[in-house]
N, C-alpha and C. Protein backbone atom coordinates (compact mmCIF):
# COMPACT_ATOMS: atom_id res chain seq x y z
N UNK A 1 66.48 214.56 33.09
CA UNK A 1 67.97 214.80 32.61
C UNK A 1 67.97 216.04 31.58
N UNK A 2 68.74 217.01 31.92
CA UNK A 2 69.08 218.29 31.12
C UNK A 2 69.87 217.79 30.01
N UNK A 3 70.36 218.61 29.27
CA UNK A 3 71.42 218.84 28.07
C UNK A 3 72.17 220.10 28.01
N UNK A 4 73.73 219.99 28.21
CA UNK A 4 74.28 221.23 28.07
C UNK A 4 75.35 221.20 26.87
N UNK A 5 75.32 222.08 26.16
CA UNK A 5 76.67 222.25 25.09
C UNK A 5 77.44 222.98 25.54
N UNK A 6 78.66 222.90 25.58
CA UNK A 6 79.88 223.87 25.78
C UNK A 6 80.38 224.29 24.52
N UNK A 7 80.37 225.36 24.17
CA UNK A 7 80.88 225.93 23.05
C UNK A 7 81.59 226.63 23.21
N UNK A 8 83.11 226.46 22.93
CA UNK A 8 84.28 227.44 22.92
C UNK A 8 83.86 228.67 21.71
N UNK A 9 83.98 229.73 22.01
CA UNK A 9 84.05 230.76 21.18
C UNK A 9 84.81 230.40 19.95
N UNK A 10 84.22 231.00 18.59
CA UNK A 10 84.98 230.62 17.47
C UNK A 10 86.50 231.61 17.50
N UNK A 11 87.14 230.97 16.06
CA UNK A 11 88.62 232.10 15.91
C UNK A 11 88.30 233.54 15.83
N UNK A 12 89.19 233.99 16.82
CA UNK A 12 89.31 235.58 16.98
C UNK A 12 90.36 236.19 16.15
N UNK A 13 90.39 237.52 16.20
CA UNK A 13 91.49 238.13 15.63
C UNK A 13 92.47 238.23 16.82
N UNK A 14 93.80 238.24 16.10
CA UNK A 14 95.10 238.23 17.14
C UNK A 14 94.86 239.55 18.31
N UNK A 15 95.40 239.13 19.24
CA UNK A 15 95.25 240.11 20.63
C UNK A 15 95.92 241.45 20.02
N UNK A 16 96.94 241.19 19.56
CA UNK A 16 98.09 242.47 19.33
C UNK A 16 97.13 243.66 18.47
N UNK A 17 96.23 243.17 17.86
CA UNK A 17 95.39 244.37 17.05
C UNK A 17 94.39 245.18 17.81
N UNK A 18 94.11 244.68 18.99
CA UNK A 18 93.06 245.19 19.94
C UNK A 18 93.38 245.82 21.30
N UNK A 19 93.49 246.74 21.56
CA UNK A 19 94.05 247.24 23.06
C UNK A 19 93.32 246.49 24.08
N UNK A 20 91.94 246.14 23.80
CA UNK A 20 91.42 245.29 25.01
C UNK A 20 91.10 244.00 24.42
N UNK A 21 91.33 242.67 25.14
CA UNK A 21 91.24 241.42 24.86
C UNK A 21 89.61 241.40 24.39
N UNK A 22 88.66 241.85 25.32
CA UNK A 22 87.31 241.71 25.30
C UNK A 22 86.78 242.15 24.05
N UNK A 23 87.40 242.93 23.18
CA UNK A 23 87.06 243.42 21.70
C UNK A 23 87.31 242.81 20.74
N UNK A 24 87.96 242.06 20.88
CA UNK A 24 88.39 241.09 19.81
C UNK A 24 87.12 240.28 18.96
N UNK A 25 87.06 240.49 17.69
CA UNK A 25 86.09 240.06 16.77
C UNK A 25 86.25 238.77 15.99
N UNK A 26 85.68 237.95 15.54
CA UNK A 26 85.75 236.82 14.89
C UNK A 26 86.71 237.19 13.45
N UNK A 27 87.13 236.32 13.04
CA UNK A 27 87.93 236.24 11.83
C UNK A 27 86.89 235.60 10.90
N UNK A 28 87.20 235.98 9.72
CA UNK A 28 86.22 235.06 8.93
C UNK A 28 86.31 233.66 8.89
N UNK A 29 87.20 232.86 9.09
CA UNK A 29 87.22 231.52 9.32
C UNK A 29 86.44 231.23 10.64
N UNK A 30 86.72 232.09 11.73
CA UNK A 30 85.72 232.09 12.83
C UNK A 30 84.48 232.21 12.61
N UNK A 31 83.90 233.00 11.65
CA UNK A 31 82.40 233.33 11.43
C UNK A 31 82.11 231.89 10.60
N UNK A 32 82.81 231.37 9.87
CA UNK A 32 82.38 230.13 9.04
C UNK A 32 82.40 228.84 10.19
N UNK A 33 83.24 228.94 10.91
CA UNK A 33 83.41 227.74 11.90
C UNK A 33 82.19 227.79 13.03
N UNK A 34 81.82 229.01 13.47
CA UNK A 34 80.58 229.05 14.05
C UNK A 34 79.37 228.64 13.42
N UNK A 35 79.13 229.10 12.21
CA UNK A 35 78.14 228.45 11.64
C UNK A 35 78.25 226.83 11.50
N UNK A 36 78.97 226.46 11.10
CA UNK A 36 79.17 225.31 10.72
C UNK A 36 79.02 224.06 12.05
N UNK A 37 79.25 224.91 13.35
CA UNK A 37 79.50 223.95 14.41
C UNK A 37 77.85 224.29 14.68
N UNK A 38 76.95 225.67 14.53
CA UNK A 38 75.77 225.70 14.60
C UNK A 38 74.96 224.62 14.34
N UNK A 39 75.20 224.10 12.86
CA UNK A 39 74.66 223.04 12.37
C UNK A 39 74.89 221.70 13.15
N UNK A 40 75.87 221.33 13.57
CA UNK A 40 75.91 220.34 14.60
C UNK A 40 75.21 220.28 15.79
N UNK A 41 75.11 221.50 16.40
CA UNK A 41 74.38 221.68 17.26
C UNK A 41 72.67 221.64 17.16
N UNK A 42 72.54 222.26 15.99
CA UNK A 42 70.82 222.10 15.61
C UNK A 42 70.43 220.62 15.45
N UNK A 43 71.36 219.93 15.46
CA UNK A 43 70.87 218.23 15.33
C UNK A 43 70.78 217.38 16.61
N UNK A 44 71.44 218.41 17.65
CA UNK A 44 71.37 217.66 18.84
C UNK A 44 70.01 217.66 19.69
N UNK A 45 69.62 216.88 20.24
CA UNK A 45 68.50 216.18 20.92
C UNK A 45 68.59 216.77 22.70
N UNK A 46 67.97 217.02 23.23
CA UNK A 46 66.28 217.96 22.81
C UNK A 46 67.02 218.89 22.28
N UNK A 47 66.45 219.87 21.45
CA UNK A 47 66.48 221.23 20.76
C UNK A 47 66.66 222.29 21.88
N UNK A 48 67.65 223.19 21.53
CA UNK A 48 68.42 224.14 22.47
C UNK A 48 67.21 225.04 22.58
N UNK A 49 67.21 225.37 23.93
CA UNK A 49 66.07 226.47 24.30
C UNK A 49 66.46 227.19 24.98
N UNK A 50 67.77 227.52 25.60
CA UNK A 50 68.54 228.84 26.11
C UNK A 50 70.10 228.58 25.53
N UNK A 51 70.49 230.18 25.40
CA UNK A 51 71.80 230.40 24.85
C UNK A 51 72.17 231.46 25.95
N UNK A 52 73.38 230.88 26.74
CA UNK A 52 74.06 231.68 27.79
C UNK A 52 75.32 232.08 26.99
N UNK A 53 76.05 233.16 27.25
CA UNK A 53 76.92 233.70 26.57
C UNK A 53 77.68 234.52 27.11
N UNK A 54 79.07 234.68 27.11
CA UNK A 54 80.23 235.74 27.68
C UNK A 54 79.97 237.08 26.54
N UNK A 55 79.85 238.12 27.21
CA UNK A 55 79.46 239.20 26.41
C UNK A 55 80.49 239.54 25.82
N UNK A 56 81.65 239.25 25.72
CA UNK A 56 82.94 239.61 25.04
C UNK A 56 82.70 239.35 23.51
N UNK A 57 83.24 240.22 22.44
CA UNK A 57 82.85 240.37 21.52
C UNK A 57 82.65 239.23 20.45
N UNK A 58 84.02 238.22 20.70
CA UNK A 58 84.01 237.12 20.00
C UNK A 58 83.05 235.94 20.26
N UNK A 59 82.77 236.33 21.57
CA UNK A 59 81.80 235.02 22.03
C UNK A 59 79.96 235.36 21.63
N UNK A 60 80.19 236.91 21.99
CA UNK A 60 78.97 237.14 21.19
C UNK A 60 78.61 237.22 19.94
N UNK A 61 79.72 237.31 19.01
CA UNK A 61 79.50 237.10 17.78
C UNK A 61 79.34 235.37 17.31
N UNK A 62 79.97 234.38 18.26
CA UNK A 62 79.59 233.21 18.35
C UNK A 62 78.07 232.93 18.27
N UNK A 63 77.87 233.55 19.36
CA UNK A 63 76.06 233.36 19.56
C UNK A 63 75.38 233.89 18.39
N UNK A 64 75.75 235.03 18.09
CA UNK A 64 74.61 235.33 16.75
C UNK A 64 74.76 234.34 15.74
N UNK A 65 76.00 234.00 15.43
CA UNK A 65 75.75 232.97 14.39
C UNK A 65 74.87 231.91 14.27
N UNK A 66 75.16 231.35 16.02
CA UNK A 66 74.02 230.03 16.35
C UNK A 66 72.93 230.36 16.26
N UNK A 67 72.54 231.64 16.77
CA UNK A 67 70.98 231.94 16.68
C UNK A 67 70.50 231.96 15.28
N UNK A 68 71.42 232.50 14.21
CA UNK A 68 70.84 232.27 13.09
C UNK A 68 71.01 231.05 12.40
N UNK A 69 71.80 230.13 12.81
CA UNK A 69 71.71 228.88 12.25
C UNK A 69 70.47 227.89 12.96
N UNK A 70 70.48 228.01 13.92
CA UNK A 70 69.20 227.52 14.98
C UNK A 70 68.02 228.08 14.64
N UNK A 71 67.75 229.39 13.93
CA UNK A 71 66.39 229.85 13.77
C UNK A 71 65.82 230.20 14.94
N UNK A 72 66.63 230.87 16.00
CA UNK A 72 66.34 230.50 17.53
C UNK A 72 65.42 231.59 17.72
N UNK A 73 64.30 231.39 18.50
CA UNK A 73 63.27 232.40 18.78
C UNK A 73 63.50 233.60 19.43
N UNK A 74 64.24 233.23 20.40
CA UNK A 74 64.90 234.34 21.50
C UNK A 74 66.03 235.02 21.36
N UNK A 75 66.69 235.88 22.38
CA UNK A 75 67.99 236.25 22.24
C UNK A 75 69.09 235.49 23.21
N UNK A 76 70.32 235.39 22.86
CA UNK A 76 71.10 235.15 23.89
C UNK A 76 70.68 235.45 25.33
N UNK A 77 71.48 235.17 26.36
CA UNK A 77 71.39 235.95 27.61
C UNK A 77 73.07 236.23 27.94
N UNK A 78 73.17 237.28 27.79
CA UNK A 78 74.28 237.91 27.98
C UNK A 78 74.89 237.51 29.35
N UNK A 79 75.91 236.58 29.80
CA UNK A 79 76.56 236.47 31.23
C UNK A 79 77.87 237.40 31.16
N UNK A 80 77.81 238.43 31.58
CA UNK A 80 79.17 239.20 31.68
C UNK A 80 80.25 238.23 32.57
N UNK A 81 79.69 237.74 34.03
CA UNK A 81 80.80 237.12 34.77
C UNK A 81 81.39 235.77 33.80
N UNK A 82 80.68 235.29 32.70
CA UNK A 82 81.65 234.34 31.80
C UNK A 82 82.78 234.54 31.41
N UNK A 83 83.31 235.87 30.98
CA UNK A 83 84.19 236.08 30.19
C UNK A 83 85.56 236.06 31.30
N UNK A 84 86.50 235.12 30.67
CA UNK A 84 87.35 234.30 31.06
C UNK A 84 87.24 233.59 32.15
N UNK A 85 85.96 233.40 32.71
CA UNK A 85 85.72 232.84 33.99
C UNK A 85 86.06 231.21 34.40
N UNK A 86 86.34 230.98 35.66
CA UNK A 86 86.95 229.66 36.11
C UNK A 86 85.67 228.49 36.15
N UNK A 87 85.80 227.13 36.06
CA UNK A 87 84.44 226.65 35.93
C UNK A 87 83.72 226.50 37.12
N UNK A 88 84.10 227.12 38.22
CA UNK A 88 82.92 227.43 39.21
C UNK A 88 82.17 228.34 39.41
N UNK A 89 82.27 229.48 38.40
CA UNK A 89 81.88 230.77 37.97
C UNK A 89 80.96 230.10 37.18
N UNK A 90 81.20 229.28 35.91
CA UNK A 90 80.45 229.00 34.80
C UNK A 90 79.27 228.26 35.57
N UNK A 91 79.51 227.35 36.29
CA UNK A 91 78.60 226.19 37.14
C UNK A 91 77.59 227.12 37.81
N UNK A 92 77.97 228.34 38.29
CA UNK A 92 76.99 228.96 39.01
C UNK A 92 75.84 229.76 38.21
N UNK A 93 76.75 230.66 36.99
CA UNK A 93 75.93 230.87 35.68
C UNK A 93 75.00 229.77 35.35
N UNK A 94 75.03 228.45 35.03
CA UNK A 94 74.25 227.66 35.02
C UNK A 94 73.29 227.25 35.77
N UNK A 95 73.80 227.00 37.14
CA UNK A 95 72.80 226.66 38.05
C UNK A 95 71.41 228.25 38.10
N UNK A 96 71.74 229.17 37.47
CA UNK A 96 70.72 230.08 37.16
C UNK A 96 69.74 230.07 36.16
N UNK A 97 70.00 228.76 34.88
CA UNK A 97 69.20 228.88 33.89
C UNK A 97 67.74 229.02 34.55
N UNK A 98 66.94 229.06 33.38
CA UNK A 98 65.30 229.14 33.82
C UNK A 98 65.04 227.67 33.91
N UNK A 99 64.33 227.32 34.72
CA UNK A 99 63.71 225.84 35.27
C UNK A 99 63.44 224.85 34.21
N UNK A 100 62.47 225.42 33.51
CA UNK A 100 61.80 224.85 32.36
C UNK A 100 62.64 224.55 31.19
N UNK A 101 64.17 225.17 31.18
CA UNK A 101 65.04 224.98 30.26
C UNK A 101 65.46 223.42 30.39
N UNK A 102 65.90 222.92 29.46
CA UNK A 102 65.96 221.46 28.67
C UNK A 102 67.32 221.41 28.12
N UNK A 103 67.94 222.24 27.22
CA UNK A 103 69.05 222.37 26.71
C UNK A 103 69.78 223.71 26.62
N UNK A 104 70.76 223.91 27.49
CA UNK A 104 71.41 225.25 27.48
C UNK A 104 72.92 225.20 26.48
N UNK A 105 72.72 225.95 25.58
CA UNK A 105 74.31 226.17 25.12
C UNK A 105 74.78 227.59 25.88
N UNK A 106 76.21 227.29 26.42
CA UNK A 106 77.19 228.16 27.01
C UNK A 106 78.12 228.41 26.37
N UNK A 107 78.30 229.37 25.83
CA UNK A 107 79.46 230.06 25.03
C UNK A 107 80.22 230.89 25.66
N UNK A 108 81.57 230.60 25.68
CA UNK A 108 82.88 231.12 26.30
C UNK A 108 84.03 230.79 26.19
N UNK A 109 85.09 231.05 27.24
CA UNK A 109 86.30 230.92 26.89
C UNK A 109 87.06 230.06 27.50
N UNK A 110 88.50 229.68 27.23
CA UNK A 110 89.34 228.43 27.52
C UNK A 110 90.20 229.47 28.51
N UNK A 111 90.64 228.58 29.72
CA UNK A 111 90.68 227.43 30.03
C UNK A 111 89.29 227.03 30.50
N UNK A 112 88.42 228.16 31.05
CA UNK A 112 87.34 227.69 31.76
C UNK A 112 86.32 226.71 31.14
N UNK A 113 86.30 226.79 29.66
CA UNK A 113 85.23 225.98 29.31
C UNK A 113 85.68 224.31 28.89
N UNK A 114 87.10 224.42 28.95
CA UNK A 114 87.66 222.84 28.95
C UNK A 114 87.64 222.44 30.35
N UNK A 115 87.82 223.20 31.30
CA UNK A 115 87.93 222.85 32.62
C UNK A 115 86.29 222.45 32.92
N UNK A 116 85.20 223.39 32.89
CA UNK A 116 84.13 223.19 32.91
C UNK A 116 83.67 221.37 32.67
N UNK A 117 83.79 221.22 31.46
CA UNK A 117 83.51 220.04 30.78
C UNK A 117 84.34 218.87 31.68
N UNK A 118 85.47 219.18 31.88
CA UNK A 118 86.45 218.11 32.48
C UNK A 118 85.84 217.99 34.24
N UNK A 119 85.41 219.26 34.81
CA UNK A 119 84.89 219.09 36.19
C UNK A 119 83.60 218.30 36.17
N UNK A 120 82.50 218.69 35.13
CA UNK A 120 81.25 218.13 34.78
C UNK A 120 81.39 216.27 34.78
N UNK A 121 82.24 216.00 33.80
CA UNK A 121 82.20 214.74 33.68
C UNK A 121 83.08 214.02 34.64
N UNK A 122 84.14 214.36 34.94
CA UNK A 122 85.21 213.59 36.07
C UNK A 122 85.16 213.68 37.65
N UNK A 123 84.57 214.89 37.60
CA UNK A 123 84.75 215.53 39.10
C UNK A 123 85.65 216.41 39.52
N UNK A 124 86.85 216.32 38.70
CA UNK A 124 88.08 217.29 38.74
C UNK A 124 88.02 218.28 37.36
N UNK A 125 88.43 219.72 37.42
CA UNK A 125 89.03 220.53 36.55
C UNK A 125 90.13 220.26 36.06
N UNK A 126 91.09 219.67 36.73
CA UNK A 126 92.76 219.91 36.47
C UNK A 126 92.88 218.27 36.01
N UNK A 127 94.04 218.16 35.31
CA UNK A 127 94.34 216.85 35.11
C UNK A 127 93.55 216.30 34.00
N UNK A 128 92.54 216.18 33.78
CA UNK A 128 91.75 215.77 32.90
C UNK A 128 91.85 215.80 31.18
N UNK A 129 92.14 215.08 30.36
CA UNK A 129 92.24 215.07 29.15
C UNK A 129 90.95 215.38 28.46
N UNK A 130 90.99 216.80 27.99
CA UNK A 130 89.68 217.42 27.07
C UNK A 130 90.13 218.53 26.57
N UNK A 131 90.17 218.33 25.46
CA UNK A 131 90.51 219.57 24.51
C UNK A 131 89.50 220.37 23.74
N UNK A 132 89.30 221.54 23.80
CA UNK A 132 88.24 222.41 23.28
C UNK A 132 88.63 223.24 22.26
N UNK A 133 89.04 223.06 21.01
CA UNK A 133 89.84 224.30 19.98
C UNK A 133 88.80 225.42 19.77
N UNK A 134 89.43 226.44 19.33
CA UNK A 134 88.16 227.35 19.02
C UNK A 134 87.12 226.60 18.03
N UNK A 135 85.66 227.15 18.74
CA UNK A 135 84.37 226.62 18.07
C UNK A 135 84.31 225.14 18.07
N UNK A 136 84.88 224.61 19.35
CA UNK A 136 84.79 223.29 19.72
C UNK A 136 83.77 223.53 20.83
N UNK A 137 82.86 221.98 20.40
CA UNK A 137 81.67 221.65 21.48
C UNK A 137 81.88 220.45 22.29
N UNK A 138 81.49 220.54 23.41
CA UNK A 138 81.50 219.66 24.08
C UNK A 138 79.76 219.26 24.78
N UNK A 139 79.19 218.38 24.26
CA UNK A 139 77.71 218.08 24.30
C UNK A 139 77.45 217.02 25.81
N UNK A 140 76.89 217.50 26.68
CA UNK A 140 76.88 216.61 27.68
C UNK A 140 75.25 216.25 28.08
N UNK A 141 74.90 215.25 28.87
CA UNK A 141 73.78 214.81 29.44
C UNK A 141 74.03 214.78 31.00
N UNK A 142 73.06 215.59 31.60
CA UNK A 142 73.08 215.89 32.99
C UNK A 142 72.13 215.06 33.80
N UNK A 143 72.76 214.35 34.71
CA UNK A 143 71.64 213.39 35.69
C UNK A 143 70.82 214.45 36.61
N UNK A 144 70.27 215.66 36.15
CA UNK A 144 69.47 216.47 37.11
C UNK A 144 68.16 216.76 36.24
N UNK A 145 67.41 217.22 37.44
CA UNK A 145 66.03 217.69 37.09
C UNK A 145 65.85 219.11 37.00
N UNK A 146 67.02 219.72 37.94
CA UNK A 146 66.93 221.04 37.80
C UNK A 146 68.18 221.62 37.84
N UNK A 147 68.45 223.07 37.23
CA UNK A 147 69.72 223.09 36.88
C UNK A 147 70.61 223.58 38.37
N UNK A 148 69.66 223.80 39.56
CA UNK A 148 70.44 224.08 40.52
C UNK A 148 71.19 222.82 41.46
N UNK A 149 70.95 221.92 40.59
CA UNK A 149 71.28 220.59 41.17
C UNK A 149 72.77 220.25 40.12
N UNK A 150 72.83 220.95 39.52
CA UNK A 150 74.51 220.77 38.78
C UNK A 150 75.56 220.53 39.64
N UNK A 151 76.11 219.46 39.39
CA UNK A 151 77.56 219.12 40.41
C UNK A 151 78.35 218.71 39.51
N UNK A 152 79.65 218.63 40.29
CA UNK A 152 81.08 217.89 39.68
C UNK A 152 80.71 216.69 39.46
N UNK A 153 81.10 216.01 38.41
CA UNK A 153 80.91 214.51 38.22
C UNK A 153 79.69 214.10 37.74
N UNK A 154 78.65 214.86 37.64
CA UNK A 154 77.47 214.09 37.43
C UNK A 154 77.02 214.43 35.80
N UNK A 155 77.97 214.42 35.09
CA UNK A 155 77.69 214.48 33.65
C UNK A 155 78.23 213.73 32.90
N UNK A 156 77.41 213.11 31.59
CA UNK A 156 77.99 212.03 30.75
C UNK A 156 78.56 212.86 29.47
N UNK A 157 79.84 212.44 28.63
CA UNK A 157 79.88 213.67 27.42
C UNK A 157 79.54 212.55 26.52
N UNK A 158 78.72 213.10 25.56
CA UNK A 158 78.18 212.57 24.68
C UNK A 158 78.59 212.91 23.00
N UNK A 159 79.25 214.00 22.90
CA UNK A 159 79.75 214.46 21.83
C UNK A 159 80.83 215.34 22.07
N UNK A 160 81.77 215.26 21.55
CA UNK A 160 83.32 215.89 21.51
C UNK A 160 83.52 216.37 20.03
N UNK A 161 83.38 217.60 19.78
CA UNK A 161 83.81 217.74 18.10
C UNK A 161 84.46 219.23 17.91
N UNK A 162 84.77 219.21 16.76
CA UNK A 162 85.85 220.44 16.34
C UNK A 162 85.44 221.15 14.91
N UNK A 163 85.47 222.00 14.23
CA UNK A 163 85.31 222.32 12.84
C UNK A 163 86.19 221.59 12.30
N UNK A 164 87.35 221.28 12.35
CA UNK A 164 88.45 220.75 11.69
C UNK A 164 88.16 219.24 11.44
N UNK A 165 87.13 218.51 12.15
CA UNK A 165 86.94 217.21 12.42
C UNK A 165 85.63 217.11 11.30
N UNK A 166 84.82 218.12 11.17
CA UNK A 166 83.85 218.31 10.43
C UNK A 166 83.84 217.69 8.79
N UNK A 167 83.26 217.17 7.90
CA UNK A 167 83.35 216.94 6.84
C UNK A 167 83.28 218.28 6.37
N UNK A 168 84.04 218.54 4.92
CA UNK A 168 83.86 219.98 4.47
C UNK A 168 82.61 220.46 3.95
N UNK A 169 81.55 219.62 3.62
CA UNK A 169 80.33 219.89 2.98
C UNK A 169 79.57 220.35 4.39
N UNK A 170 79.64 220.12 5.14
CA UNK A 170 78.94 220.29 6.68
C UNK A 170 78.75 221.73 6.75
N UNK A 171 77.49 222.38 6.58
CA UNK A 171 77.59 223.50 6.96
C UNK A 171 77.54 224.64 6.00
């Protein structure tokens, strides 16, 4: 069994304020939410041993906050293809995770992140009711021994959480 936490980037600055969508940073609330959700992720089992992230500024900053909360020994792996990627591309990125990795956190963007979670859990990426607001996470258990075996419909949703649903004291 492998574990996957799908982590949508935290709240970013409004797009009108930045000439390139890719360059939008987190808002103060986004930074706080990324840390709070990092606390939730730190309590998941098995421990996170791989962080894959879109290289967009808001996703990279979300990853940085997660690394700090987890006291993660390594650095995130930047997946340029994850920026605004469809679920099929995200699955290919995950299939490339190191073979000895047990728990991957994938940080990226909607609609691909919601669609990926739906695809892995139900076998279909459209029509499934699964919402990931900014800084939302979906924690999945995967019935696989190797990341290359990742397939649609092969996951069990274990946790769906968002910052607004957390108690105020957490984080």
